[in-house]
Amino acid sequence: MVETISNTYYQKYVDSLIRDQKWLFKAEYAKDDYYILKCAEGINCQYKKRITVEKEKIELPDNHALKEISSLIFDNEVHKLKIEVNNQSHQGHLSNEELKPKYELRSQGCSDFGKLIIKRLNLHLKKQVERISTLQNLLQADYKIHIPNSQSLSNYCYQLKQELFFKEFDGTLGTFESLSSNYSFEKASSEVDLIILDINKDIENFVLVFTCKHFLTHFKKQNEINQPSFFVSDTTFSLLRNNYKLLIIGNLFY
C-alpha cells in the first residue's frame, strides 16, 4: 500500500495526475471497484498503479472544498481511494522533450471530473456565462485545472447536448413525434425537464410547443392573481438566413 486518500473522487484524483503533469499514464483496464493504470512514459515500462475505489456516505464539513459538490451532485457520497503499486521499476522512458508535447495535449479540454459535474447538473442546457460561473463556484481553486477555458467547455456542452438530446435526430416529422412521446408531461421528473406540449404536423406551418413544469406553474399563478404575463422571444439569425422558420417564445419571470 502506498497511500490512502479519503473524501475525494476517483475522477478528481486521476485528473490531477494528468493536469499536474506528474505522470504520463494510460488506463490498462477497469473493474467495478478498482482501476489499473499503466505507465506510458516508456513503451515497455511495466510500472503500474492499482486504485481501489470505495464509496462512502459522509456529510462533509462546511469548510471542505468538496462540500457543495458532494451535496448537490453526489448525494453526499464520496470516494475513498487505496493506491497500490507493483514491484516493477520505471524503465525505457521517453526524454523530457518527447514527453512535454504529450503532457500539453492531455492538459487541454474539459477534465473527466468537470464533464461529470456538467452531466449531473445538466449544464449543457444553460447559457455559457451561467454554466461557467456555476462550475467555477463548485470547483473553487481547482477551476482552472478542470475547466481550462470557455471554448473547451462550450465544445463539450455542445457535444453533450447532441449526444443526449439530438442523438439519432434527423429532423423529420416522425422523429419529432417520437421526441414528443419521450418528453411528455407525465415523464418530466423535475421542474426543469423539457416538456413537448403539442406539434402541428402541417408541413407548411409546422409548430413545436415546448415548456417545463417550472414555467407552467408560474404561468398558472400569474393568471390566478391577474398578474400581467411577460414574454420574451428570440430568433436565431443563422437559421432564418438559411430559410428555417424558428421563433422561440417563453415566459419571463423575475
C-alpha atoms as a PDB file:
ATOM      1  CA  MET A   1       0.000   0.000   0.000  1.00  0.00           C
ATOM      2  CA  VAL A   2       1.371   3.406  -0.998  1.00  0.00           C
ATOM      3  CA  GLU A   3      -1.312   5.730   0.364  1.00  0.00           C
ATOM      4  CA  THR A   4      -4.987   6.114   1.192  1.00  0.00           C
ATOM      5  CA  ILE A   5      -6.949   9.177   0.077  1.00  0.00           C
ATOM      6  CA  SER A   6     -10.297   9.904   1.732  1.00  0.00           C
ATOM      7  CA  ASN A   7     -13.106  12.337   0.922  1.00  0.00           C
ATOM      8  CA  THR A   8     -12.313  12.736  -2.757  1.00  0.00           C
ATOM      9  CA  TYR A   9     -13.450  11.372  -6.140  1.00  0.00           C
ATOM     10  CA  TYR A  10     -11.675   8.918  -8.381  1.00  0.00           C
ATOM     11  CA  GLN A  11     -12.056  11.226 -11.394  1.00  0.00           C
ATOM     12  CA  LYS A  12     -10.565  14.144  -9.464  1.00  0.00           C
ATOM     13  CA  TYR A  13      -7.524  12.099  -8.449  1.00  0.00           C
ATOM     14  CA  VAL A  14      -6.861  10.817 -11.972  1.00  0.00           C
ATOM     15  CA  ASP A  15      -7.345  14.284 -13.452  1.00  0.00           C
ATOM     16  CA  SER A  16      -4.688  15.647 -11.102  1.00  0.00           C
ATOM     17  CA  LEU A  17      -2.217  13.114 -12.494  1.00  0.00           C
ATOM     18  CA  ILE A  18      -2.907  14.416 -15.980  1.00  0.00           C
ATOM     19  CA  ARG A  19      -3.200  18.146 -15.311  1.00  0.00           C
ATOM     20  CA  ASP A  20      -0.267  18.457 -12.939  1.00  0.00           C
ATOM     21  CA  GLN A  21       1.965  16.553 -15.385  1.00  0.00           C
ATOM     22  CA  LYS A  22       3.363  14.314 -12.633  1.00  0.00           C
ATOM     23  CA  TRP A  23       2.987  11.082 -14.528  1.00  0.00           C
ATOM     24  CA  LEU A  24       2.003  10.088 -18.052  1.00  0.00           C
ATOM     25  CA  PHE A  25      -0.227   7.024 -17.787  1.00  0.00           C
ATOM     26  CA  LYS A  26      -2.964   5.136 -19.578  1.00  0.00           C
ATOM     27  CA  ALA A  27      -5.821   3.037 -18.227  1.00  0.00           C
ATOM     28  CA  GLU A  28      -4.996  -0.620 -18.792  1.00  0.00           C
ATOM     29  CA  TYR A  29      -8.321  -1.979 -17.596  1.00  0.00           C
ATOM     30  CA  ALA A  30     -11.057  -1.285 -15.048  1.00  0.00           C
ATOM     31  CA  LYS A  31     -13.444  -3.237 -12.848  1.00  0.00           C
ATOM     32  CA  ASP A  32     -16.409  -2.059 -10.801  1.00  0.00           C
ATOM     33  CA  ASP A  33     -14.343  -1.198  -7.755  1.00  0.00           C
ATOM     34  CA  TYR A  34     -10.758  -0.792  -8.961  1.00  0.00           C
ATOM     35  CA  TYR A  35      -8.692   0.538 -11.843  1.00  0.00           C
ATOM     36  CA  ILE A  36      -5.273  -0.385 -13.198  1.00  0.00           C
ATOM     37  CA  LEU A  37      -3.171   2.460 -14.610  1.00  0.00           C
ATOM     38  CA  LYS A  38      -0.036   1.695 -16.629  1.00  0.00           C
ATOM     39  CA  CYS A  39       2.944   3.965 -17.089  1.00  0.00           C
ATOM     40  CA  ALA A  40       3.008   5.349 -20.646  1.00  0.00           C
ATOM     41  CA  GLU A  41       6.314   7.218 -20.418  1.00  0.00           C
ATOM     42  CA  GLY A  42       8.125   4.204 -21.841  1.00  0.00           C
ATOM     43  CA  ILE A  43       6.929   1.646 -24.382  1.00  0.00           C
ATOM     44  CA  ASN A  44       7.989  -1.350 -22.312  1.00  0.00           C
ATOM     45  CA  CYS A  45       7.692   0.135 -18.818  1.00  0.00           C
ATOM     46  CA  GLN A  46       5.890  -2.298 -16.517  1.00  0.00           C
ATOM     47  CA  TYR A  47       5.245   0.097 -13.627  1.00  0.00           C
ATOM     48  CA  LYS A  48       1.531   0.088 -12.716  1.00  0.00           C
ATOM     49  CA  LYS A  49      -0.820   1.596 -10.182  1.00  0.00           C
ATOM     50  CA  ARG A  50      -3.901  -0.086  -8.789  1.00  0.00           C
ATOM     51  CA  ILE A  51      -6.585   2.273  -7.465  1.00  0.00           C
ATOM     52  CA  THR A  52      -9.245   0.625  -5.334  1.00  0.00           C
ATOM     53  CA  VAL A  53     -12.393   2.738  -5.026  1.00  0.00           C
ATOM     54  CA  GLU A  54     -14.772   2.598  -2.070  1.00  0.00           C
ATOM     55  CA  LYS A  55     -17.915   4.706  -1.920  1.00  0.00           C
ATOM     56  CA  GLU A  56     -18.673   6.363   1.388  1.00  0.00           C
ATOM     57  CA  LYS A  57     -21.698   8.265   2.647  1.00  0.00           C
ATOM     58  CA  ILE A  58     -20.485  11.292   4.548  1.00  0.00           C
ATOM     59  CA  GLU A  59     -21.544  14.800   5.499  1.00  0.00           C
ATOM     60  CA  LEU A  60     -18.506  16.929   4.738  1.00  0.00           C
ATOM     61  CA  PRO A  61     -17.794  19.960   6.964  1.00  0.00           C
ATOM     62  CA  ASP A  62     -18.872  23.373   5.688  1.00  0.00           C
ATOM     63  CA  ASN A  63     -15.297  24.481   5.002  1.00  0.00           C
ATOM     64  CA  HIS A  64     -14.452  21.399   2.898  1.00  0.00           C
ATOM     65  CA  ALA A  65     -13.606  22.147  -0.753  1.00  0.00           C
ATOM     66  CA  LEU A  66     -15.970  19.386  -1.949  1.00  0.00           C
ATOM     67  CA  LYS A  67     -18.874  20.237   0.385  1.00  0.00           C
ATOM     68  CA  GLU A  68     -21.119  21.798  -2.268  1.00  0.00           C
ATOM     69  CA  ILE A  69     -20.211  19.261  -4.954  1.00  0.00           C
ATOM     70  CA  SER A  70     -20.877  16.370  -2.564  1.00  0.00           C
ATOM     71  CA  SER A  71     -24.324  17.581  -1.510  1.00  0.00           C
ATOM     72  CA  LEU A  72     -25.613  18.961  -4.817  1.00  0.00           C
ATOM     73  CA  ILE A  73     -24.259  16.392  -7.241  1.00  0.00           C
ATOM     74  CA  PHE A  74     -23.216  13.202  -5.468  1.00  0.00           C
ATOM     75  CA  ASP A  75     -25.874  12.984  -2.743  1.00  0.00           C
ATOM     76  CA  ASN A  76     -23.192  13.229  -0.033  1.00  0.00           C
ATOM     77  CA  GLU A  77     -21.339  10.231  -1.412  1.00  0.00           C
ATOM     78  CA  VAL A  78     -17.546  10.466  -1.809  1.00  0.00           C
ATOM     79  CA  HIS A  79     -14.738   8.087  -2.722  1.00  0.00           C
ATOM     80  CA  LYS A  80     -12.035   6.558  -0.585  1.00  0.00           C
ATOM     81  CA  LEU A  81      -9.035   5.565  -2.697  1.00  0.00           C
ATOM     82  CA  LYS A  82      -6.395   2.986  -1.836  1.00  0.00           C
ATOM     83  CA  ILE A  83      -3.317   3.430  -4.009  1.00  0.00           C
ATOM     84  CA  GLU A  84      -1.010   0.455  -4.625  1.00  0.00           C
ATOM     85  CA  VAL A  85       1.947  -0.023  -6.975  1.00  0.00           C
ATOM     86  CA  ASN A  86       3.608  -3.144  -8.318  1.00  0.00           C
ATOM     87  CA  ASN A  87       7.262  -4.048  -7.722  1.00  0.00           C
ATOM     88  CA  GLN A  88       8.401  -3.103 -11.229  1.00  0.00           C
ATOM     89  CA  SER A  89      10.675  -0.113 -11.732  1.00  0.00           C
ATOM     90  CA  HIS A  90      10.282   2.578 -14.357  1.00  0.00           C
ATOM     91  CA  GLN A  91      12.348   1.857 -17.481  1.00  0.00           C
ATOM     92  CA  GLY A  92      12.758   2.821 -21.150  1.00  0.00           C
ATOM     93  CA  HIS A  93      11.188   6.234 -20.739  1.00  0.00           C
ATOM     94  CA  LEU A  94      10.939   8.968 -23.357  1.00  0.00           C
ATOM     95  CA  SER A  95      13.042  12.099 -22.940  1.00  0.00           C
ATOM     96  CA  ASN A  96      11.598  15.256 -21.377  1.00  0.00           C
ATOM     97  CA  GLU A  97      11.467  16.860 -24.833  1.00  0.00           C
ATOM     98  CA  GLU A  98       9.357  13.955 -26.121  1.00  0.00           C
ATOM     99  CA  LEU A  99       7.088  13.914 -23.073  1.00  0.00           C
ATOM    100  CA  LYS A 100       6.338  17.647 -22.974  1.00  0.00           C
ATOM    101  CA  PRO A 101       4.004  17.765 -26.018  1.00  0.00           C
ATOM    102  CA  LYS A 102       2.172  14.675 -24.715  1.00  0.00           C
ATOM    103  CA  TYR A 103       1.561  16.397 -21.375  1.00  0.00           C
ATOM    104  CA  GLU A 104       0.404  19.578 -23.104  1.00  0.00           C
ATOM    105  CA  LEU A 105      -2.046  17.620 -25.229  1.00  0.00           C
ATOM    106  CA  ARG A 106      -3.562  15.980 -22.163  1.00  0.00           C
ATOM    107  CA  SER A 107      -3.954  19.282 -20.315  1.00  0.00           C
ATOM    108  CA  GLN A 108      -6.366  20.649 -22.924  1.00  0.00           C
ATOM    109  CA  GLY A 109     -10.146  20.356 -22.947  1.00  0.00           C
ATOM    110  CA  CYS A 110     -12.546  19.553 -20.103  1.00  0.00           C
ATOM    111  CA  SER A 111     -11.412  17.072 -17.487  1.00  0.00           C
ATOM    112  CA  ASP A 112     -13.418  13.922 -16.740  1.00  0.00           C
ATOM    113  CA  PHE A 113     -14.292  15.390 -13.346  1.00  0.00           C
ATOM    114  CA  GLY A 114     -15.571  18.579 -14.955  1.00  0.00           C
ATOM    115  CA  LYS A 115     -17.541  16.548 -17.514  1.00  0.00           C
ATOM    116  CA  LEU A 116     -19.140  14.501 -14.744  1.00  0.00           C
ATOM    117  CA  ILE A 117     -20.314  17.653 -12.981  1.00  0.00           C
ATOM    118  CA  ILE A 118     -21.687  19.048 -16.251  1.00  0.00           C
ATOM    119  CA  LYS A 119     -23.690  15.841 -16.786  1.00  0.00           C
ATOM    120  CA  ARG A 120     -25.018  15.719 -13.227  1.00  0.00           C
ATOM    121  CA  LEU A 121     -26.058  19.385 -13.265  1.00  0.00           C
ATOM    122  CA  ASN A 122     -27.336  19.442 -16.875  1.00  0.00           C
ATOM    123  CA  LEU A 123     -25.159  22.490 -17.506  1.00  0.00           C
ATOM    124  CA  HIS A 124     -25.278  21.787 -21.243  1.00  0.00           C
ATOM    125  CA  LEU A 125     -28.792  23.265 -21.239  1.00  0.00           C
ATOM    126  CA  LYS A 126     -27.762  26.570 -19.662  1.00  0.00           C
ATOM    127  CA  LYS A 127     -26.221  29.751 -21.004  1.00  0.00           C
ATOM    128  CA  GLN A 128     -22.455  29.915 -21.357  1.00  0.00           C
ATOM    129  CA  VAL A 129     -21.845  32.554 -18.683  1.00  0.00           C
ATOM    130  CA  GLU A 130     -24.105  30.818 -16.172  1.00  0.00           C
ATOM    131  CA  ARG A 131     -22.566  27.364 -16.571  1.00  0.00           C
ATOM    132  CA  ILE A 132     -19.019  28.751 -16.357  1.00  0.00           C
ATOM    133  CA  SER A 133     -19.803  30.609 -13.123  1.00  0.00           C
ATOM    134  CA  THR A 134     -21.542  27.516 -11.715  1.00  0.00           C
ATOM    135  CA  LEU A 135     -18.531  25.315 -12.399  1.00  0.00           C
ATOM    136  CA  GLN A 136     -16.167  27.949 -11.027  1.00  0.00           C
ATOM    137  CA  ASN A 137     -18.219  28.133  -7.832  1.00  0.00           C
ATOM    138  CA  LEU A 138     -18.288  24.341  -7.397  1.00  0.00           C
ATOM    139  CA  LEU A 139     -14.671  23.596  -8.327  1.00  0.00           C
ATOM    140  CA  GLN A 140     -13.265  26.611  -6.465  1.00  0.00           C
ATOM    141  CA  ALA A 141      -9.444  26.598  -6.536  1.00  0.00           C
ATOM    142  CA  ASP A 142      -9.406  23.668  -8.975  1.00  0.00           C
ATOM    143  CA  TYR A 143     -11.474  25.553 -11.542  1.00  0.00           C
ATOM    144  CA  LYS A 144      -8.665  26.367 -13.968  1.00  0.00           C
ATOM    145  CA  ILE A 145      -7.279  22.834 -13.723  1.00  0.00           C
ATOM    146  CA  HIS A 146     -10.500  21.070 -14.650  1.00  0.00           C
ATOM    147  CA  ILE A 147     -12.063  23.694 -16.941  1.00  0.00           C
ATOM    148  CA  PRO A 148      -9.076  25.370 -18.645  1.00  0.00           C
ATOM    149  CA  ASN A 149     -11.010  27.683 -20.977  1.00  0.00           C
ATOM    150  CA  SER A 150     -14.518  28.629 -22.053  1.00  0.00           C
ATOM    151  CA  GLN A 151     -14.034  27.282 -25.587  1.00  0.00           C
ATOM    152  CA  SER A 152     -13.381  23.714 -24.424  1.00  0.00           C
ATOM    153  CA  LEU A 153     -16.344  23.977 -22.044  1.00  0.00           C
ATOM    154  CA  SER A 154     -18.592  25.225 -24.830  1.00  0.00           C
ATOM    155  CA  ASN A 155     -17.444  22.470 -27.185  1.00  0.00           C
ATOM    156  CA  TYR A 156     -18.102  19.741 -24.641  1.00  0.00           C
ATOM    157  CA  CYS A 157     -21.520  21.121 -23.683  1.00  0.00           C
ATOM    158  CA  TYR A 158     -22.478  21.208 -27.356  1.00  0.00           C
ATOM    159  CA  GLN A 159     -21.318  17.620 -27.860  1.00  0.00           C
ATOM    160  CA  LEU A 160     -23.183  16.505 -24.752  1.00  0.00           C
ATOM    161  CA  LYS A 161     -26.378  18.189 -25.903  1.00  0.00           C
ATOM    162  CA  GLN A 162     -26.094  16.465 -29.273  1.00  0.00           C
ATOM    163  CA  GLU A 163     -25.438  13.137 -27.567  1.00  0.00           C
ATOM    164  CA  LEU A 164     -28.251  13.322 -25.008  1.00  0.00           C
ATOM    165  CA  PHE A 165     -30.932  15.274 -26.815  1.00  0.00           C
ATOM    166  CA  PHE A 166     -30.364  15.072 -30.549  1.00  0.00           C
ATOM    167  CA  LYS A 167     -28.967  11.536 -30.745  1.00  0.00           C
ATOM    168  CA  GLU A 168     -30.262   9.930 -33.965  1.00  0.00           C
ATOM    169  CA  PHE A 169     -32.441  13.004 -34.557  1.00  0.00           C
ATOM    170  CA  ASP A 170     -32.888  13.511 -38.298  1.00  0.00           C
ATOM    171  CA  GLY A 171     -35.379  16.421 -38.257  1.00  0.00           C
ATOM    172  CA  THR A 172     -38.248  14.504 -39.916  1.00  0.00           C
ATOM    173  CA  LEU A 173     -41.842  14.632 -38.701  1.00  0.00           C
ATOM    174  CA  GLY A 174     -41.585  11.047 -37.473  1.00  0.00           C
ATOM    175  CA  THR A 175     -38.622  11.963 -35.310  1.00  0.00           C
ATOM    176  CA  PHE A 176     -40.494  14.915 -33.825  1.00  0.00           C
ATOM    177  CA  GLU A 177     -43.432  12.625 -32.956  1.00  0.00           C
ATOM    178  CA  SER A 178     -41.059  10.193 -31.268  1.00  0.00           C
ATOM    179  CA  LEU A 179     -39.424  13.089 -29.438  1.00  0.00           C
ATOM    180  CA  SER A 180     -42.840  14.263 -28.245  1.00  0.00           C
ATOM    181  CA  SER A 181     -43.602  10.891 -26.647  1.00  0.00           C
ATOM    182  CA  ASN A 182     -40.226  10.847 -24.905  1.00  0.00           C
ATOM    183  CA  TYR A 183     -40.741  14.330 -23.446  1.00  0.00           C
ATOM    184  CA  SER A 184     -44.380  14.153 -22.368  1.00  0.00           C
ATOM    185  CA  PHE A 185     -45.733  15.895 -19.272  1.00  0.00           C
ATOM    186  CA  GLU A 186     -46.013  12.571 -17.421  1.00  0.00           C
ATOM    187  CA  LYS A 187     -42.343  11.730 -17.972  1.00  0.00           C
ATOM    188  CA  ALA A 188     -40.999  15.013 -16.594  1.00  0.00           C
ATOM    189  CA  SER A 189     -39.347  14.099 -13.292  1.00  0.00           C
ATOM    190  CA  SER A 190     -38.208  17.589 -12.278  1.00  0.00           C
ATOM    191  CA  GLU A 191     -39.433  21.161 -12.560  1.00  0.00           C
ATOM    192  CA  VAL A 192     -36.978  21.998 -15.351  1.00  0.00           C
ATOM    193  CA  ASP A 193     -37.284  18.873 -17.509  1.00  0.00           C
ATOM    194  CA  LEU A 194     -38.294  19.579 -21.097  1.00  0.00           C
ATOM    195  CA  ILE A 195     -41.975  19.001 -21.958  1.00  0.00           C
ATOM    196  CA  ILE A 196     -43.311  18.990 -25.520  1.00  0.00           C
ATOM    197  CA  LEU A 197     -46.955  20.088 -25.303  1.00  0.00           C
ATOM    198  CA  ASP A 198     -48.054  19.977 -28.914  1.00  0.00           C
ATOM    199  CA  ILE A 199     -46.951  19.521 -32.516  1.00  0.00           C
ATOM    200  CA  ASN A 200     -48.689  20.986 -35.546  1.00  0.00           C
ATOM    201  CA  LYS A 201     -47.875  18.431 -38.245  1.00  0.00           C
ATOM    202  CA  ASP A 202     -48.715  20.742 -41.147  1.00  0.00           C
ATOM    203  CA  ILE A 203     -45.515  20.775 -43.211  1.00  0.00           C
ATOM    204  CA  GLU A 204     -46.166  24.332 -44.414  1.00  0.00           C
ATOM    205  CA  ASN A 205     -46.943  25.652 -40.934  1.00  0.00           C
ATOM    206  CA  PHE A 206     -45.023  23.375 -38.596  1.00  0.00           C
ATOM    207  CA  VAL A 207     -45.218  24.325 -34.915  1.00  0.00           C
ATOM    208  CA  LEU A 208     -43.481  22.691 -31.954  1.00  0.00           C
ATOM    209  CA  VAL A 209     -44.592  23.848 -28.494  1.00  0.00           C
ATOM    210  CA  PHE A 210     -42.333  23.027 -25.559  1.00  0.00           C
ATOM    211  CA  THR A 211     -42.070  24.177 -21.971  1.00  0.00           C
ATOM    212  CA  CYS A 212     -41.333  22.814 -18.465  1.00  0.00           C
ATOM    213  CA  LYS A 213     -43.281  22.461 -15.207  1.00  0.00           C
ATOM    214  CA  HIS A 214     -41.494  25.480 -13.726  1.00  0.00           C
ATOM    215  CA  PHE A 215     -42.808  27.774 -16.470  1.00  0.00           C
ATOM    216  CA  LEU A 216     -46.292  26.254 -16.389  1.00  0.00           C
ATOM    217  CA  THR A 217     -46.545  26.700 -12.611  1.00  0.00           C
ATOM    218  CA  HIS A 218     -45.638  30.385 -12.794  1.00  0.00           C
ATOM    219  CA  PHE A 219     -47.929  30.933 -15.765  1.00  0.00           C
ATOM    220  CA  LYS A 220     -50.832  29.452 -13.752  1.00  0.00           C
ATOM    221  CA  LYS A 221     -50.024  31.613 -10.718  1.00  0.00           C
ATOM    222  CA  GLN A 222     -49.933  34.746 -12.853  1.00  0.00           C
ATOM    223  CA  ASN A 223     -53.372  34.002 -14.269  1.00  0.00           C
ATOM    224  CA  GLU A 224     -54.843  33.283 -10.820  1.00  0.00           C
ATOM    225  CA  ILE A 225     -53.817  36.678  -9.424  1.00  0.00           C
ATOM    226  CA  ASN A 226     -54.410  38.573 -12.690  1.00  0.00           C
ATOM    227  CA  GLN A 227     -50.773  39.486 -12.882  1.00  0.00           C
ATOM    228  CA  PRO A 228     -49.546  40.541 -16.324  1.00  0.00           C
ATOM    229  CA  SER A 229     -47.522  37.875 -18.099  1.00  0.00           C
ATOM    230  CA  PHE A 230     -44.209  38.915 -19.603  1.00  0.00           C
ATOM    231  CA  PHE A 231     -42.901  37.129 -22.663  1.00  0.00           C
ATOM    232  CA  VAL A 232     -39.511  37.065 -24.291  1.00  0.00           C
ATOM    233  CA  SER A 233     -38.905  36.000 -27.864  1.00  0.00           C
ATOM    234  CA  ASP A 234     -35.778  35.216 -29.802  1.00  0.00           C
ATOM    235  CA  THR A 235     -34.996  34.361 -33.384  1.00  0.00           C
ATOM    236  CA  THR A 236     -31.836  32.635 -34.431  1.00  0.00           C
ATOM    237  CA  PHE A 237     -30.280  34.524 -37.328  1.00  0.00           C
ATOM    238  CA  SER A 238     -28.303  31.607 -38.736  1.00  0.00           C
ATOM    239  CA  LEU A 239     -31.488  29.534 -39.042  1.00  0.00           C
ATOM    240  CA  LEU A 240     -33.560  32.347 -40.534  1.00  0.00           C
ATOM    241  CA  ARG A 241     -30.807  33.154 -43.010  1.00  0.00           C
ATOM    242  CA  ASN A 242     -30.998  29.558 -44.240  1.00  0.00           C
ATOM    243  CA  ASN A 243     -34.787  29.815 -44.617  1.00  0.00           C
ATOM    244  CA  TYR A 244     -35.672  27.830 -41.490  1.00  0.00           C
ATOM    245  CA  LYS A 245     -38.637  29.215 -39.583  1.00  0.00           C
ATOM    246  CA  LEU A 246     -37.848  29.435 -35.895  1.00  0.00           C
ATOM    247  CA  LEU A 247     -39.418  31.586 -33.220  1.00  0.00           C
ATOM    248  CA  ILE A 248     -38.638  30.966 -29.544  1.00  0.00           C
ATOM    249  CA  ILE A 249     -41.175  32.404 -27.107  1.00  0.00           C
ATOM    250  CA  GLY A 250     -41.312  31.929 -23.339  1.00  0.00           C
ATOM    251  CA  ASN A 251     -42.387  33.480 -20.063  1.00  0.00           C
ATOM    252  CA  LEU A 252     -40.006  35.888 -18.379  1.00  0.00           C
ATOM    253  CA  PHE A 253     -40.004  35.605 -14.582  1.00  0.00           C
ATOM    254  CA  TYR A 254     -38.204  37.682 -12.002  1.00  0.00           C
END
